[in-house]
Amino acid sequence: MKRLQAFKFQLRPNGQQEREMRRFAGACRFVFNRALARQNENHGSRE
């Protein structure tokens, strides 16, 4: 029998760390949206 275990940690970033995390999240969102747009373009061109 497998036993699953999880841990939960609370982050308490300082101002600089929070800005960097928000910047990183924004970059990830940008890349995801660009990839999604490209995929939609490719899908639309097949029809």
PDB file of N, CA and C in Angstrom:
ATOM      1  N   MET A   1       0.843  -1.177   0.000  1.00  0.00           N
ATOM      2  CA  MET A   1       0.000   0.000   0.000  1.00  0.00           C
ATOM      3  C   MET A   1       0.892   1.246   0.000  1.00  0.00           C
ATOM      4  N   LYS A   2       0.565   2.182  -0.890  1.00  0.00           N
ATOM      5  CA  LYS A   2       1.330   3.428  -0.954  1.00  0.00           C
ATOM      6  C   LYS A   2       0.738   4.454  -0.003  1.00  0.00           C
ATOM      7  N   ARG A   3       1.615   5.207   0.579  1.00  0.00           N
ATOM      8  CA  ARG A   3       1.189   6.262   1.488  1.00  0.00           C
ATOM      9  C   ARG A   3       1.615   7.598   0.898  1.00  0.00           C
ATOM     10  N   LEU A   4       0.662   8.469   0.683  1.00  0.00           N
ATOM     11  CA  LEU A   4       0.967   9.793   0.157  1.00  0.00           C
ATOM     12  C   LEU A   4       1.154  10.766   1.314  1.00  0.00           C
ATOM     13  N   GLN A   5       2.156  11.613   1.164  1.00  0.00           N
ATOM     14  CA  GLN A   5       2.432  12.586   2.209  1.00  0.00           C
ATOM     15  C   GLN A   5       2.704  13.925   1.547  1.00  0.00           C
ATOM     16  N   ALA A   6       2.215  14.979   2.142  1.00  0.00           N
ATOM     17  CA  ALA A   6       2.405  16.313   1.587  1.00  0.00           C
ATOM     18  C   ALA A   6       2.831  17.266   2.698  1.00  0.00           C
ATOM     19  N   PHE A   7       3.533  18.283   2.293  1.00  0.00           N
ATOM     20  CA  PHE A   7       3.953  19.328   3.219  1.00  0.00           C
ATOM     21  C   PHE A   7       3.456  20.663   2.691  1.00  0.00           C
ATOM     22  N   LYS A   8       3.150  21.563   3.577  1.00  0.00           N
ATOM     23  CA  LYS A   8       2.677  22.881   3.196  1.00  0.00           C
ATOM     24  C   LYS A   8       3.556  23.911   3.906  1.00  0.00           C
ATOM     25  N   PHE A   9       4.084  24.846   3.131  1.00  0.00           N
ATOM     26  CA  PHE A   9       4.942  25.882   3.689  1.00  0.00           C
ATOM     27  C   PHE A   9       4.375  27.244   3.334  1.00  0.00           C
ATOM     28  N   GLN A  10       4.463  28.159   4.230  1.00  0.00           N
ATOM     29  CA  GLN A  10       4.030  29.518   3.969  1.00  0.00           C
ATOM     30  C   GLN A  10       5.259  30.349   3.612  1.00  0.00           C
ATOM     31  N   LEU A  11       5.172  31.062   2.490  1.00  0.00           N
ATOM     32  CA  LEU A  11       6.277  31.925   2.081  1.00  0.00           C
ATOM     33  C   LEU A  11       6.072  33.312   2.665  1.00  0.00           C
ATOM     34  N   ARG A  12       7.144  33.903   3.090  1.00  0.00           N
ATOM     35  CA  ARG A  12       7.107  35.276   3.587  1.00  0.00           C
ATOM     36  C   ARG A  12       8.217  36.066   2.896  1.00  0.00           C
ATOM     37  N   PRO A  13       8.020  36.376   1.619  1.00  0.00           N
ATOM     38  CA  PRO A  13       9.078  37.069   0.884  1.00  0.00           C
ATOM     39  C   PRO A  13       9.182  38.535   1.307  1.00  0.00           C
ATOM     40  N   ASN A  14      10.405  39.049   1.208  1.00  0.00           N
ATOM     41  CA  ASN A  14      10.568  40.480   1.450  1.00  0.00           C
ATOM     42  C   ASN A  14      10.172  41.213   0.159  1.00  0.00           C
ATOM     43  N   GLY A  15      10.251  42.511   0.149  1.00  0.00           N
ATOM     44  CA  GLY A  15       9.800  43.298  -1.000  1.00  0.00           C
ATOM     45  C   GLY A  15      10.493  42.934  -2.296  1.00  0.00           C
ATOM     46  N   GLN A  16      11.802  42.786  -2.255  1.00  0.00           N
ATOM     47  CA  GLN A  16      12.585  42.443  -3.447  1.00  0.00           C
ATOM     48  C   GLN A  16      12.191  41.068  -3.978  1.00  0.00           C
ATOM     49  N   GLN A  17      12.057  40.103  -3.099  1.00  0.00           N
ATOM     50  CA  GLN A  17      11.700  38.743  -3.506  1.00  0.00           C
ATOM     51  C   GLN A  17      10.294  38.703  -4.104  1.00  0.00           C
ATOM     52  N   GLU A  18       9.382  39.452  -3.518  1.00  0.00           N
ATOM     53  CA  GLU A  18       8.014  39.478  -4.038  1.00  0.00           C
ATOM     54  C   GLU A  18       7.980  40.078  -5.439  1.00  0.00           C
ATOM     55  N   ARG A  19       8.736  41.151  -5.655  1.00  0.00           N
ATOM     56  CA  ARG A  19       8.804  41.758  -6.996  1.00  0.00           C
ATOM     57  C   ARG A  19       9.359  40.768  -8.003  1.00  0.00           C
ATOM     58  N   GLU A  20      10.394  40.033  -7.624  1.00  0.00           N
ATOM     59  CA  GLU A  20      10.991  39.052  -8.536  1.00  0.00           C
ATOM     60  C   GLU A  20      10.032  37.908  -8.832  1.00  0.00           C
ATOM     61  N   MET A  21       9.283  37.461  -7.827  1.00  0.00           N
ATOM     62  CA  MET A  21       8.316  36.381  -8.058  1.00  0.00           C
ATOM     63  C   MET A  21       7.193  36.847  -8.980  1.00  0.00           C
ATOM     64  N   ARG A  22       6.732  38.080  -8.788  1.00  0.00           N
ATOM     65  CA  ARG A  22       5.684  38.612  -9.669  1.00  0.00           C
ATOM     66  C   ARG A  22       6.204  38.775 -11.093  1.00  0.00           C
ATOM     67  N   ARG A  23       7.442  39.207 -11.226  1.00  0.00           N
ATOM     68  CA  ARG A  23       8.047  39.361 -12.547  1.00  0.00           C
ATOM     69  C   ARG A  23       8.180  38.004 -13.238  1.00  0.00           C
ATOM     70  N   PHE A  24       8.609  37.006 -12.497  1.00  0.00           N
ATOM     71  CA  PHE A  24       8.743  35.655 -13.034  1.00  0.00           C
ATOM     72  C   PHE A  24       7.383  35.103 -13.457  1.00  0.00           C
ATOM     73  N   ALA A  25       6.361  35.311 -12.614  1.00  0.00           N
ATOM     74  CA  ALA A  25       5.010  34.841 -12.947  1.00  0.00           C
ATOM     75  C   ALA A  25       4.497  35.540 -14.201  1.00  0.00           C
ATOM     76  N   GLY A  26       4.794  36.818 -14.343  1.00  0.00           N
ATOM     77  CA  GLY A  26       4.381  37.551 -15.541  1.00  0.00           C
ATOM     78  C   GLY A  26       5.055  37.008 -16.786  1.00  0.00           C
ATOM     79  N   ALA A  27       6.336  36.677 -16.680  1.00  0.00           N
ATOM     80  CA  ALA A  27       7.064  36.116 -17.821  1.00  0.00           C
ATOM     81  C   ALA A  27       6.495  34.751 -18.194  1.00  0.00           C
ATOM     82  N   CYS A  28       6.165  33.943 -17.202  1.00  0.00           N
ATOM     83  CA  CYS A  28       5.562  32.625 -17.469  1.00  0.00           C
ATOM     84  C   CYS A  28       4.217  32.783 -18.158  1.00  0.00           C
ATOM     85  N   ARG A  29       3.419  33.729 -17.696  1.00  0.00           N
ATOM     86  CA  ARG A  29       2.113  33.974 -18.299  1.00  0.00           C
ATOM     87  C   ARG A  29       2.267  34.428 -19.749  1.00  0.00           C
ATOM     88  N   PHE A  30       3.251  35.285 -20.008  1.00  0.00           N
ATOM     89  CA  PHE A  30       3.510  35.765 -21.361  1.00  0.00           C
ATOM     90  C   PHE A  30       3.876  34.606 -22.283  1.00  0.00           C
ATOM     91  N   VAL A  31       4.788  33.751 -21.839  1.00  0.00           N
ATOM     92  CA  VAL A  31       5.224  32.611 -22.657  1.00  0.00           C
ATOM     93  C   VAL A  31       4.057  31.661 -22.903  1.00  0.00           C
ATOM     94  N   PHE A  32       3.272  31.379 -21.871  1.00  0.00           N
ATOM     95  CA  PHE A  32       2.122  30.483 -22.031  1.00  0.00           C
ATOM     96  C   PHE A  32       1.139  31.053 -23.046  1.00  0.00           C
ATOM     97  N   ASN A  33       0.825  32.339 -22.926  1.00  0.00           N
ATOM     98  CA  ASN A  33      -0.133  32.958 -23.842  1.00  0.00           C
ATOM     99  C   ASN A  33       0.388  32.980 -25.271  1.00  0.00           C
ATOM    100  N   ARG A  34       1.690  33.224 -25.453  1.00  0.00           N
ATOM    101  CA  ARG A  34       2.263  33.190 -26.808  1.00  0.00           C
ATOM    102  C   ARG A  34       2.182  31.794 -27.399  1.00  0.00           C
ATOM    103  N   ALA A  35       2.502  30.787 -26.604  1.00  0.00           N
ATOM    104  CA  ALA A  35       2.435  29.402 -27.082  1.00  0.00           C
ATOM    105  C   ALA A  35       0.994  29.020 -27.414  1.00  0.00           C
ATOM    106  N   LEU A  36       0.048  29.451 -26.601  1.00  0.00           N
ATOM    107  CA  LEU A  36      -1.360  29.160 -26.855  1.00  0.00           C
ATOM    108  C   LEU A  36      -1.825  29.839 -28.138  1.00  0.00           C
ATOM    109  N   ALA A  37      -1.431  31.083 -28.343  1.00  0.00           N
ATOM    110  CA  ALA A  37      -1.801  31.797 -29.567  1.00  0.00           C
ATOM    111  C   ALA A  37      -1.218  31.100 -30.788  1.00  0.00           C
ATOM    112  N   ARG A  38       0.017  30.668 -30.677  1.00  0.00           N
ATOM    113  CA  ARG A  38       0.655  29.969 -31.797  1.00  0.00           C
ATOM    114  C   ARG A  38      -0.053  28.650 -32.092  1.00  0.00           C
ATOM    115  N   GLN A  39      -0.432  27.951 -31.054  1.00  0.00           N
ATOM    116  CA  GLN A  39      -1.149  26.688 -31.226  1.00  0.00           C
ATOM    117  C   GLN A  39      -2.510  26.933 -31.882  1.00  0.00           C
ATOM    118  N   ASN A  40      -3.195  27.988 -31.462  1.00  0.00           N
ATOM    119  CA  ASN A  40      -4.488  28.325 -32.063  1.00  0.00           C
ATOM    120  C   ASN A  40      -4.329  28.711 -33.527  1.00  0.00           C
ATOM    121  N   GLU A  41      -3.265  29.427 -33.860  1.00  0.00           N
ATOM    122  CA  GLU A  41      -3.004  29.786 -35.259  1.00  0.00           C
ATOM    123  C   GLU A  41      -2.769  28.532 -36.091  1.00  0.00           C
ATOM    124  N   ASN A  42      -1.964  27.624 -35.586  1.00  0.00           N
ATOM    125  CA  ASN A  42      -1.674  26.384 -36.308  1.00  0.00           C
ATOM    126  C   ASN A  42      -2.929  25.537 -36.471  1.00  0.00           C
ATOM    127  N   HIS A  43      -3.746  25.493 -35.459  1.00  0.00           N
ATOM    128  CA  HIS A  43      -4.980  24.707 -35.532  1.00  0.00           C
ATOM    129  C   HIS A  43      -5.938  25.330 -36.548  1.00  0.00           C
ATOM    130  N   GLY A  44      -6.016  26.653 -36.570  1.00  0.00           N
ATOM    131  CA  GLY A  44      -6.905  27.350 -37.502  1.00  0.00           C
ATOM    132  C   GLY A  44      -6.461  27.222 -38.948  1.00  0.00           C
ATOM    133  N   SER A  45      -5.163  27.092 -39.185  1.00  0.00           N
ATOM    134  CA  SER A  45      -4.657  27.016 -40.560  1.00  0.00           C
ATOM    135  C   SER A  45      -4.888  25.645 -41.180  1.00  0.00           C
ATOM    136  N   ARG A  46      -5.194  24.641 -40.375  1.00  0.00           N
ATOM    137  CA  ARG A  46      -5.432  23.290 -40.893  1.00  0.00           C
ATOM    138  C   ARG A  46      -6.809  23.161 -41.529  1.00  0.00           C
ATOM    139  N   GLU A  47      -7.734  23.999 -41.122  1.00  0.00           N
ATOM    140  CA  GLU A  47      -9.107  23.858 -41.613  1.00  0.00           C
ATOM    141  C   GLU A  47      -9.276  24.422 -43.000  1.00  0.00           C
TER     142      GLU A  47
END
